[in-house]
C-alpha atoms as a PDB file:
ATOM      1  CA  MET A   1       0.000   0.000   0.000  1.00  0.00           C
ATOM      2  CA  GLU A   2       1.390   3.372  -1.015  1.00  0.00           C
ATOM      3  CA  ARG A   3       1.753   5.735   1.939  1.00  0.00           C
ATOM      4  CA  PRO A   4       1.909   9.545   1.870  1.00  0.00           C
ATOM      5  CA  ILE A   5       5.362  11.041   2.310  1.00  0.00           C
ATOM      6  CA  LEU A   6       5.819  13.727   4.958  1.00  0.00           C
ATOM      7  CA  ALA A   7       6.969  17.054   3.554  1.00  0.00           C
ATOM      8  CA  TYR A   8       9.722  19.274   4.889  1.00  0.00           C
ATOM      9  CA  GLY A   9       8.531  20.998   8.056  1.00  0.00           C
ATOM     10  CA  HIS A  10       7.163  17.964   9.888  1.00  0.00           C
ATOM     11  CA  ARG A  11       8.777  17.653  13.331  1.00  0.00           C
ATOM     12  CA  ILE A  12       9.322  13.900  13.001  1.00  0.00           C
ATOM     13  CA  LEU A  13      11.833  14.493  10.180  1.00  0.00           C
ATOM     14  CA  LYS A  14      14.131  16.113  12.755  1.00  0.00           C
ATOM     15  CA  GLU A  15      13.774  13.391  15.421  1.00  0.00           C
ATOM     16  CA  ARG A  16      16.376  10.753  16.195  1.00  0.00           C
ATOM     17  CA  CYS A  17      14.696   7.379  15.601  1.00  0.00           C
ATOM     18  CA  HIS A  18      14.777   4.330  17.855  1.00  0.00           C
ATOM     19  CA  ASP A  19      15.751   0.708  17.224  1.00  0.00           C
ATOM     20  CA  ILE A  20      13.090  -1.936  16.732  1.00  0.00           C
ATOM     21  CA  GLU A  21      12.816  -5.609  17.680  1.00  0.00           C
ATOM     22  CA  LYS A  22      12.531  -8.543  15.303  1.00  0.00           C
ATOM     23  CA  HIS A  23       8.832  -8.911  16.130  1.00  0.00           C
ATOM     24  CA  TYR A  24       7.908  -5.299  15.375  1.00  0.00           C
ATOM     25  CA  PRO A  25       4.181  -5.383  14.433  1.00  0.00           C
ATOM     26  CA  ARG A  26       3.579  -6.149  10.745  1.00  0.00           C
ATOM     27  CA  LEU A  27       7.211  -5.435   9.818  1.00  0.00           C
ATOM     28  CA  ASP A  28       6.980  -7.340   6.509  1.00  0.00           C
ATOM     29  CA  ARG A  29       3.915  -5.302   5.499  1.00  0.00           C
ATOM     30  CA  LEU A  30       5.629  -2.048   6.476  1.00  0.00           C
ATOM     31  CA  ILE A  31       8.724  -2.866   4.415  1.00  0.00           C
ATOM     32  CA  ALA A  32       6.569  -3.820   1.402  1.00  0.00           C
ATOM     33  CA  ASP A  33       4.631  -0.554   1.762  1.00  0.00           C
ATOM     34  CA  MET A  34       7.868   1.409   1.865  1.00  0.00           C
ATOM     35  CA  TRP A  35       9.137  -0.215  -1.350  1.00  0.00           C
ATOM     36  CA  GLU A  36       5.822   0.489  -3.076  1.00  0.00           C
ATOM     37  CA  THR A  37       5.804   4.091  -1.833  1.00  0.00           C
ATOM     38  CA  MET A  38       9.402   4.719  -2.938  1.00  0.00           C
ATOM     39  CA  GLU A  39       8.960   3.113  -6.355  1.00  0.00           C
ATOM     40  CA  ASN A  40       5.723   5.007  -7.066  1.00  0.00           C
ATOM     41  CA  ALA A  41       7.532   8.245  -6.204  1.00  0.00           C
ATOM     42  CA  ASN A  42      10.491   7.329  -8.466  1.00  0.00           C
ATOM     43  CA  GLY A  43      12.851   7.523  -5.509  1.00  0.00           C
ATOM     44  CA  CYS A  44      16.068   5.674  -4.779  1.00  0.00           C
ATOM     45  CA  GLY A  45      15.607   5.506  -1.009  1.00  0.00           C
ATOM     46  CA  LEU A  46      13.060   6.029   1.732  1.00  0.00           C
ATOM     47  CA  ALA A  47      13.334   6.149   5.520  1.00  0.00           C
ATOM     48  CA  SER A  48      10.547   5.336   7.951  1.00  0.00           C
ATOM     49  CA  PRO A  49      10.324   8.855   9.449  1.00  0.00           C
ATOM     50  CA  GLN A  50       9.363  10.045   5.961  1.00  0.00           C
ATOM     51  CA  ILE A  51       6.129   8.073   6.363  1.00  0.00           C
ATOM     52  CA  GLY A  52       5.636   9.123   9.968  1.00  0.00           C
ATOM     53  CA  LEU A  53       7.371   6.349  11.919  1.00  0.00           C
ATOM     54  CA  PRO A  54      10.342   7.316  14.145  1.00  0.00           C
ATOM     55  CA  ILE A  55      12.082   3.937  13.848  1.00  0.00           C
ATOM     56  CA  ARG A  56      15.496   2.990  12.459  1.00  0.00           C
ATOM     57  CA  LEU A  57      14.367   1.498   9.158  1.00  0.00           C
ATOM     58  CA  PHE A  58      15.198   2.546   5.620  1.00  0.00           C
ATOM     59  CA  ILE A  59      15.437   1.110   2.122  1.00  0.00           C
ATOM     60  CA  VAL A  60      17.871   1.841  -0.705  1.00  0.00           C
ATOM     61  CA  ASP A  61      17.722   1.077  -4.426  1.00  0.00           C
ATOM     62  CA  SER A  62      20.974   2.042  -6.146  1.00  0.00           C
ATOM     63  CA  GLN A  63      20.588  -0.798  -8.659  1.00  0.00           C
ATOM     64  CA  SER A  64      18.067   1.207 -10.701  1.00  0.00           C
ATOM     65  CA  THR A  65      20.482   4.153 -10.813  1.00  0.00           C
ATOM     66  CA  PHE A  66      23.265   1.840 -12.014  1.00  0.00           C
ATOM     67  CA  ASP A  67      20.978   0.315 -14.668  1.00  0.00           C
ATOM     68  CA  ASN A  68      19.913   3.751 -15.950  1.00  0.00           C
ATOM     69  CA  LEU A  69      23.423   5.183 -16.290  1.00  0.00           C
ATOM     70  CA  GLU A  70      25.314   5.041 -19.571  1.00  0.00           C
ATOM     71  CA  ALA A  71      28.090   2.449 -19.289  1.00  0.00           C
ATOM     72  CA  GLU A  72      30.839   5.089 -19.604  1.00  0.00           C
ATOM     73  CA  ASN A  73      29.370   7.110 -16.697  1.00  0.00           C
ATOM     74  CA  ARG A  74      29.055   4.216 -14.259  1.00  0.00           C
ATOM     75  CA  THR A  75      32.688   4.422 -13.140  1.00  0.00           C
ATOM     76  CA  ASN A  76      32.062   7.987 -11.903  1.00  0.00           C
ATOM     77  CA  TYR A  77      29.436   6.765  -9.439  1.00  0.00           C
ATOM     78  CA  PHE A  78      30.077   3.081  -8.782  1.00  0.00           C
ATOM     79  CA  SER A  79      33.185   1.071  -7.929  1.00  0.00           C
ATOM     80  CA  GLN A  80      34.215  -1.642 -10.378  1.00  0.00           C
ATOM     81  CA  ASP A  81      32.556  -4.529  -8.521  1.00  0.00           C
ATOM     82  CA  ASP A  82      29.378  -2.600  -7.611  1.00  0.00           C
ATOM     83  CA  HIS A  83      26.201  -2.879  -9.683  1.00  0.00           C
ATOM     84  CA  GLY A  84      23.973  -1.287  -7.060  1.00  0.00           C
ATOM     85  CA  ILE A  85      21.747  -2.796  -4.396  1.00  0.00           C
ATOM     86  CA  LYS A  86      18.118  -3.170  -3.420  1.00  0.00           C
ATOM     87  CA  GLU A  87      18.337  -3.531   0.332  1.00  0.00           C
ATOM     88  CA  THR A  88      16.460  -2.999   3.580  1.00  0.00           C
ATOM     89  CA  PHE A  89      18.385  -1.567   6.546  1.00  0.00           C
ATOM     90  CA  ILE A  90      17.080  -2.064  10.099  1.00  0.00           C
ATOM     91  CA  ASN A  91      18.773  -0.629  13.220  1.00  0.00           C
ATOM     92  CA  ALA A  92      21.703   0.473  11.065  1.00  0.00           C
ATOM     93  CA  LYS A  93      24.893   1.918  12.534  1.00  0.00           C
ATOM     94  CA  ILE A  94      27.673   3.350  10.379  1.00  0.00           C
ATOM     95  CA  ILE A  95      30.883   2.057  11.937  1.00  0.00           C
ATOM     96  CA  GLU A  96      33.476   3.492   9.545  1.00  0.00           C
ATOM     97  CA  ARG A  97      33.679   6.327   7.008  1.00  0.00           C
ATOM     98  CA  SER A  98      36.448   6.772   4.455  1.00  0.00           C
ATOM     99  CA  GLN A  99      38.681   9.852   4.489  1.00  0.00           C
ATOM    100  CA  GLU A 100      38.077  10.208   0.750  1.00  0.00           C
ATOM    101  CA  ARG A 101      35.078  12.452   0.137  1.00  0.00           C
ATOM    102  CA  TRP A 102      33.173  13.438  -2.980  1.00  0.00           C
ATOM    103  CA  GLU A 103      30.461  15.886  -3.889  1.00  0.00           C
ATOM    104  CA  ASP A 104      27.306  15.206  -5.857  1.00  0.00           C
ATOM    105  CA  LYS A 105      23.777  16.546  -6.107  1.00  0.00           C
ATOM    106  CA  GLU A 106      21.160  15.164  -3.748  1.00  0.00           C
ATOM    107  CA  GLY A 107      17.425  15.540  -3.518  1.00  0.00           C
ATOM    108  CA  CYS A 108      14.802  14.124  -1.181  1.00  0.00           C
ATOM    109  CA  LEU A 109      11.219  12.920  -1.610  1.00  0.00           C
ATOM    110  CA  SER A 110      10.313  14.986   1.482  1.00  0.00           C
ATOM    111  CA  ILE A 111      11.864  18.109  -0.048  1.00  0.00           C
ATOM    112  CA  PRO A 112      10.537  18.101  -3.631  1.00  0.00           C
ATOM    113  CA  SER A 113      12.126  20.303  -6.313  1.00  0.00           C
ATOM    114  CA  VAL A 114      15.250  21.033  -4.253  1.00  0.00           C
ATOM    115  CA  TRP A 115      18.587  19.608  -5.418  1.00  0.00           C
ATOM    116  CA  GLN A 116      21.933  20.633  -3.950  1.00  0.00           C
ATOM    117  CA  LYS A 117      25.520  19.380  -3.900  1.00  0.00           C
ATOM    118  CA  VAL A 118      26.500  17.549  -0.720  1.00  0.00           C
ATOM    119  CA  LYS A 119      29.989  16.308   0.175  1.00  0.00           C
ATOM    120  CA  ARG A 120      30.059  12.821   1.730  1.00  0.00           C
ATOM    121  CA  PRO A 121      32.573  10.013   2.327  1.00  0.00           C
ATOM    122  CA  TRP A 122      33.147   7.835  -0.764  1.00  0.00           C
ATOM    123  CA  ALA A 123      32.940   4.602   1.287  1.00  0.00           C
ATOM    124  CA  ILE A 124      31.262   3.489   4.508  1.00  0.00           C
ATOM    125  CA  THR A 125      31.084   0.323   6.554  1.00  0.00           C
ATOM    126  CA  ILE A 126      27.700  -0.253   8.131  1.00  0.00           C
ATOM    127  CA  ALA A 127      26.209  -2.852  10.475  1.00  0.00           C
ATOM    128  CA  TYR A 128      22.481  -3.510  10.088  1.00  0.00           C
ATOM    129  CA  TYR A 129      19.756  -6.128  10.010  1.00  0.00           C
ATOM    130  CA  ASN A 130      18.250  -6.989   6.621  1.00  0.00           C
ATOM    131  CA  ALA A 131      14.555  -7.652   5.898  1.00  0.00           C
ATOM    132  CA  ASP A 132      14.936 -11.182   7.325  1.00  0.00           C
ATOM    133  CA  PHE A 133      16.412  -9.648  10.485  1.00  0.00           C
ATOM    134  CA  GLU A 134      19.832 -11.193   9.775  1.00  0.00           C
ATOM    135  CA  LEU A 135      22.801  -9.185  11.022  1.00  0.00           C
ATOM    136  CA  GLN A 136      25.014  -7.833   8.236  1.00  0.00           C
ATOM    137  CA  THR A 137      28.250  -5.844   8.219  1.00  0.00           C
ATOM    138  CA  LYS A 138      29.166  -4.555   4.772  1.00  0.00           C
ATOM    139  CA  THR A 139      31.214  -1.885   3.051  1.00  0.00           C
ATOM    140  CA  PHE A 140      29.594   0.206   0.324  1.00  0.00           C
ATOM    141  CA  LYS A 141      31.127   2.792  -1.997  1.00  0.00           C
ATOM    142  CA  GLY A 142      30.186   5.557  -4.395  1.00  0.00           C
ATOM    143  CA  ALA A 143      26.552   6.245  -5.192  1.00  0.00           C
ATOM    144  CA  THR A 144      25.394   3.308  -3.081  1.00  0.00           C
ATOM    145  CA  ALA A 145      27.247   4.652  -0.037  1.00  0.00           C
ATOM    146  CA  ARG A 146      25.831   8.135  -0.697  1.00  0.00           C
ATOM    147  CA  MET A 147      22.250   6.853  -0.819  1.00  0.00           C
ATOM    148  CA  ILE A 148      22.757   4.837   2.359  1.00  0.00           C
ATOM    149  CA  GLN A 149      24.225   7.853   4.170  1.00  0.00           C
ATOM    150  CA  HIS A 150      21.319  10.050   3.044  1.00  0.00           C
ATOM    151  CA  GLU A 151      18.716   7.590   4.369  1.00  0.00           C
ATOM    152  CA  TYR A 152      20.743   6.822   7.495  1.00  0.00           C
ATOM    153  CA  ASP A 153      20.779  10.560   8.213  1.00  0.00           C
ATOM    154  CA  HIS A 154      16.969  10.500   8.207  1.00  0.00           C
ATOM    155  CA  THR A 155      17.024   8.009  11.084  1.00  0.00           C
ATOM    156  CA  GLU A 156      19.322  10.425  12.942  1.00  0.00           C
ATOM    157  CA  GLY A 157      16.960  13.372  12.406  1.00  0.00           C
ATOM    158  CA  VAL A 158      19.291  14.932   9.822  1.00  0.00           C
ATOM    159  CA  LEU A 159      18.211  16.211   6.397  1.00  0.00           C
ATOM    160  CA  PHE A 160      20.574  16.755   3.480  1.00  0.00           C
ATOM    161  CA  LEU A 161      19.837  20.478   3.952  1.00  0.00           C
ATOM    162  CA  ASP A 162      21.743  20.282   7.248  1.00  0.00           C
ATOM    163  CA  HIS A 163      24.959  19.629   5.274  1.00  0.00           C
ATOM    164  CA  LEU A 164      24.631  22.854   3.263  1.00  0.00           C
ATOM    165  CA  ALA A 165      26.481  26.119   3.819  1.00  0.00           C
ATOM    166  CA  PRO A 166      24.441  28.976   5.348  1.00  0.00           C
ATOM    167  CA  LEU A 167      24.587  30.990   2.109  1.00  0.00           C
ATOM    168  CA  THR A 168      23.179  28.062   0.115  1.00  0.00           C
ATOM    169  CA  LYS A 169      20.389  27.630   2.672  1.00  0.00           C
ATOM    170  CA  ASN A 170      19.501  31.307   2.303  1.00  0.00           C
ATOM    171  CA  LEU A 171      19.378  30.984  -1.478  1.00  0.00           C
ATOM    172  CA  ILE A 172      16.953  28.060  -1.363  1.00  0.00           C
ATOM    173  CA  ALA A 173      14.810  29.497   1.467  1.00  0.00           C
ATOM    174  CA  PRO A 174      11.999  30.589  -0.926  1.00  0.00           C
ATOM    175  CA  LYS A 175      11.690  27.022  -2.263  1.00  0.00           C
ATOM    176  CA  LEU A 176      11.546  25.655   1.274  1.00  0.00           C
ATOM    177  CA  GLN A 177       8.823  28.171   2.151  1.00  0.00           C
ATOM    178  CA  ARG A 178       6.757  26.935  -0.800  1.00  0.00           C
ATOM    179  CA  ILE A 179       7.075  23.373   0.497  1.00  0.00           C
ATOM    180  CA  LEU A 180       6.092  24.481   4.009  1.00  0.00           C
ATOM    181  CA  LYS A 181       2.944  26.060   2.559  1.00  0.00           C
ATOM    182  CA  GLY A 182       2.142  23.047   0.341  1.00  0.00           C
ATOM    183  CA  ARG A 183       2.734  24.999  -2.858  1.00  0.00           C
ATOM    184  CA  VAL A 184       4.576  22.286  -4.732  1.00  0.00           C
ATOM    185  CA  THR A 185       3.369  19.639  -7.128  1.00  0.00           C
ATOM    186  CA  THR A 186       4.528  16.041  -6.901  1.00  0.00           C
ATOM    187  CA  GLY A 187       3.525  12.853  -8.655  1.00  0.00           C
ATOM    188  CA  TYR A 188       3.038  11.127  -5.294  1.00  0.00           C
ATOM    189  CA  PRO A 189       0.883  11.723  -2.198  1.00  0.00           C
ATOM    190  CA  MET A 190       2.371  14.033   0.439  1.00  0.00           C
ATOM    191  CA  LYS A 191       1.374  15.284   3.873  1.00  0.00           C
ATOM    192  CA  TYR A 192       2.321  18.909   4.430  1.00  0.00           C
ATOM    193  CA  ALA A 193       3.192  20.414   7.802  1.00  0.00           C
ATOM    194  CA  TYR A 194       0.837  23.413   7.584  1.00  0.00           C
END
């Protein structure tokens, strides 16, 4: 079932989320709903606070990005052995970040029509439980690592806007005001904070 996505301005988007247990009520249904919601919104990731749940759960699809890139551009965004992922992350904790950083544009389903460059580590190592609640510890690089970090930030109450310089934030303030007032058009259902 597709769920509405909370727009910029909702308090829950700035809350630090809490871990969940294996027997969280209807977890399988929730994860399926999140995939449906993200795919219908043409997103590459979605975190549970974006649908109103302050829990440490997010999904990432970098495989579609990989598939849609021209072959010659893939090396700019993906390491040689990486073809993207479609993965569920529960109770995730980033345990290592590379010193190497890179900048690329990011957007967010909760902040429609706003895209800005954000500098992030090229590689991360993260411990998490997958959809079957099996503990994983993996290293991800490039675009996949960026998407994971973006969604992980949501579970920490951090938006990609929080990584921007004050001048950049001032320049995009009118766009953010339009979102706060519900004056944006999206191809997916949203709940505005007004």
